[in-house]
Amino acid sequence: MIQQMIKDIEQLTLLSKEQRKTLTRWFTRQNELIQVDIFKEQKDQYFKLKSKCSSANTIPLAAFYLAINKFFEKDRIIKKKNKSHNLDYLSAISEFAMKKNEEMRTNDVREKLLNFSSFIFTMKKRGKSLRKIKQDLLSIYKFEVSHTSISNFIKEFEKGEKNDY
């Protein structure tokens, strides 16, 4: 049963076991924006494969590998020096590159703020100003962040709490 499933996936995707492992590792290292785009692409690939294969069990996984492969190839083209493709294709790749880099930058500050969230909310409950919280984060934890980022983080957290109820 499993051997037949693996054979069907290899026939549909034309990817070896090692290539599939590489794609899976690459997928796990991508940010959430890229992963969401991959899942959107998986849906498109699923409907393309639905007419080609009779085994409904293998189609979702094969579509997933094909979607990852599409974005993996875009990533490889970004890293190449010779980009001899048409302008439409290059603009799609540049959008992909911007998403990839943009989320990485903003995500770091948010992740660090999440690590210090108990400290931030404790200070906020004690009545400290955002600028004072910023100074405390810098002096105690050596973490420099703007008071605006702290404000946005608090607003985002409070908004999430209201939606939970």
Protein backbone atom coordinates (compact mmCIF):
# COMPACT_ATOMS: atom_id res chain seq x y z
CA MET A 1 0.00 0.00 0.00
CA ILE A 2 2.70 2.51 1.03
CA GLN A 3 4.97 1.42 -1.80
CA GLN A 4 2.18 2.06 -4.31
CA MET A 5 1.54 5.48 -2.79
CA ILE A 6 5.23 6.41 -3.03
CA LYS A 7 5.31 5.19 -6.63
CA ASP A 8 2.24 7.30 -7.49
CA ILE A 9 3.78 10.38 -5.87
CA GLU A 10 7.02 9.89 -7.80
CA GLN A 11 5.10 9.51 -11.06
CA LEU A 12 2.97 12.59 -10.46
CA THR A 13 5.71 14.90 -9.21
CA LEU A 14 8.76 13.50 -11.00
CA LEU A 15 10.69 14.10 -7.78
CA SER A 16 12.99 11.60 -6.11
CA LYS A 17 12.91 10.79 -2.40
CA GLU A 18 15.95 13.02 -1.77
CA GLN A 19 14.42 15.91 -3.70
CA ARG A 20 11.20 15.60 -1.67
CA LYS A 21 13.22 15.64 1.56
CA THR A 22 15.08 18.75 0.38
CA LEU A 23 11.80 20.47 -0.47
CA THR A 24 10.32 19.61 2.91
CA ARG A 25 13.35 20.99 4.75
CA TRP A 26 13.25 24.14 2.63
CA PHE A 27 9.53 24.59 3.39
CA THR A 28 10.07 24.42 7.14
CA ARG A 29 12.65 27.22 6.99
CA GLN A 30 10.30 29.66 5.23
CA ASN A 31 8.30 32.37 6.97
CA GLU A 32 4.53 32.26 7.31
CA LEU A 33 3.82 34.48 4.29
CA ILE A 34 5.66 32.10 1.98
CA GLN A 35 4.05 29.05 3.59
CA VAL A 36 0.57 30.52 3.07
CA ASP A 37 1.38 31.17 -0.59
CA ILE A 38 2.56 27.57 -0.92
CA PHE A 39 -0.71 26.27 0.49
CA LYS A 40 -2.64 28.47 -1.95
CA GLU A 41 -0.56 27.02 -4.77
CA GLN A 42 -1.19 23.51 -3.42
CA LYS A 43 -4.92 24.01 -4.00
CA ASP A 44 -4.26 24.90 -7.66
CA GLN A 45 -1.94 21.94 -8.09
CA TYR A 46 -4.51 19.63 -6.50
CA PHE A 47 -7.12 20.40 -9.15
CA LYS A 48 -4.56 19.96 -11.92
CA LEU A 49 -3.60 16.53 -10.59
CA LYS A 50 -7.15 15.41 -9.89
CA SER A 51 -7.73 14.58 -13.56
CA LYS A 52 -4.38 12.76 -13.90
CA CYS A 53 -4.56 10.34 -10.98
CA SER A 54 -7.22 7.92 -9.81
CA SER A 55 -5.79 7.48 -6.30
CA ALA A 56 -7.34 10.20 -4.15
CA ASN A 57 -4.96 9.46 -1.27
CA THR A 58 -1.81 10.58 -3.05
CA ILE A 59 -3.10 13.72 -4.75
CA PRO A 60 -2.89 16.11 -1.74
CA LEU A 61 0.68 15.14 -0.91
CA ALA A 62 1.78 15.26 -4.54
CA ALA A 63 0.16 18.69 -4.91
CA PHE A 64 1.98 19.84 -1.79
CA TYR A 65 5.36 18.75 -3.20
CA LEU A 66 4.64 20.42 -6.55
CA ALA A 67 3.65 23.66 -4.83
CA ILE A 68 6.81 23.67 -2.72
CA ASN A 69 8.89 22.89 -5.81
CA LYS A 70 7.43 25.89 -7.64
CA PHE A 71 8.48 28.29 -4.87
CA PHE A 72 11.78 26.47 -4.37
CA GLU A 73 12.61 27.10 -8.03
CA LYS A 74 11.76 30.79 -7.61
CA ASP A 75 14.14 30.92 -4.66
CA ARG A 76 16.89 29.28 -6.72
CA ILE A 77 16.40 31.80 -9.55
CA ILE A 78 16.72 34.68 -7.07
CA LYS A 79 20.10 33.34 -6.00
CA LYS A 80 21.34 32.87 -9.58
CA LYS A 81 23.43 35.55 -11.19
CA ASN A 82 22.13 35.04 -14.72
CA LYS A 83 18.42 35.87 -14.72
CA SER A 84 17.56 35.52 -18.40
CA HIS A 85 13.77 35.31 -18.10
CA ASN A 86 10.94 37.51 -19.28
CA LEU A 87 9.99 40.56 -17.21
CA ASP A 88 6.64 39.19 -16.00
CA TYR A 89 8.32 36.14 -14.53
CA LEU A 90 11.05 38.23 -12.91
CA SER A 91 8.47 40.57 -11.35
CA ALA A 92 6.67 37.60 -9.80
CA ILE A 93 9.99 36.40 -8.41
CA SER A 94 10.82 39.83 -7.03
CA GLU A 95 7.45 39.91 -5.22
CA PHE A 96 8.33 36.54 -3.72
CA ALA A 97 11.74 37.85 -2.61
CA MET A 98 10.19 40.93 -0.99
CA LYS A 99 7.72 38.81 0.98
CA LYS A 100 10.50 36.53 2.07
CA ASN A 101 12.75 39.34 3.32
CA GLU A 102 10.07 41.65 4.68
CA GLU A 103 8.53 39.13 7.05
CA MET A 104 11.92 38.05 8.35
CA ARG A 105 12.75 41.60 9.48
CA THR A 106 9.48 42.42 11.23
CA ASN A 107 9.17 38.97 12.74
CA ASP A 108 12.36 39.29 14.82
CA VAL A 109 11.12 42.27 16.85
CA ARG A 110 7.72 40.67 17.42
CA GLU A 111 9.30 37.41 18.55
CA LYS A 112 11.49 39.24 21.04
CA LEU A 113 8.51 41.24 22.29
CA LEU A 114 6.67 37.95 22.80
CA ASN A 115 9.59 36.74 24.92
CA PHE A 116 9.33 39.85 27.09
CA SER A 117 5.52 40.02 27.08
CA SER A 118 5.09 39.18 30.78
CA PHE A 119 7.54 41.96 31.70
CA ILE A 120 5.84 44.45 29.35
CA PHE A 121 2.33 43.74 30.62
CA THR A 122 3.43 43.80 34.26
CA MET A 123 5.02 47.22 33.79
CA LYS A 124 1.96 48.44 31.88
CA LYS A 125 -0.34 47.30 34.73
CA ARG A 126 1.88 49.17 37.20
CA GLY A 127 1.20 52.35 35.24
CA LYS A 128 4.57 52.81 33.59
CA SER A 129 4.64 54.71 30.31
CA LEU A 130 5.68 53.10 27.06
CA ARG A 131 8.86 55.16 26.97
CA LYS A 132 9.76 54.00 30.49
CA ILE A 133 9.10 50.37 29.50
CA LYS A 134 11.38 50.94 26.51
CA GLN A 135 14.14 52.26 28.78
CA ASP A 136 13.71 49.33 31.19
CA LEU A 137 13.95 46.81 28.35
CA LEU A 138 17.16 48.46 27.23
CA SER A 139 18.75 48.75 30.67
CA ILE A 140 17.70 45.37 32.07
CA TYR A 141 17.61 43.09 29.02
CA LYS A 142 19.79 45.03 26.53
CA PHE A 143 16.91 44.95 24.04
CA GLU A 144 16.38 48.14 22.07
CA VAL A 145 12.91 48.68 20.66
CA SER A 146 10.78 51.74 19.93
CA HIS A 147 7.89 52.70 22.18
CA THR A 148 5.67 52.62 19.08
CA SER A 149 6.49 48.95 18.54
CA ILE A 150 5.63 48.22 22.16
CA SER A 151 2.35 50.12 21.75
CA ASN A 152 1.46 48.18 18.59
CA PHE A 153 2.32 44.92 20.32
CA ILE A 154 0.07 45.73 23.29
CA LYS A 155 -2.79 46.79 21.00
CA GLU A 156 -2.44 43.59 18.97
CA PHE A 157 -2.50 41.47 22.11
CA GLU A 158 -5.53 43.29 23.56
CA LYS A 159 -7.35 42.98 20.24
CA GLY A 160 -6.70 39.22 20.28
CA GLU A 161 -8.06 38.93 23.84
CA LYS A 162 -11.30 40.70 22.87
CA ASN A 163 -11.78 38.32 19.92
CA ASP A 164 -11.34 35.28 22.18
CA TYR A 165 -14.51 36.06 24.16
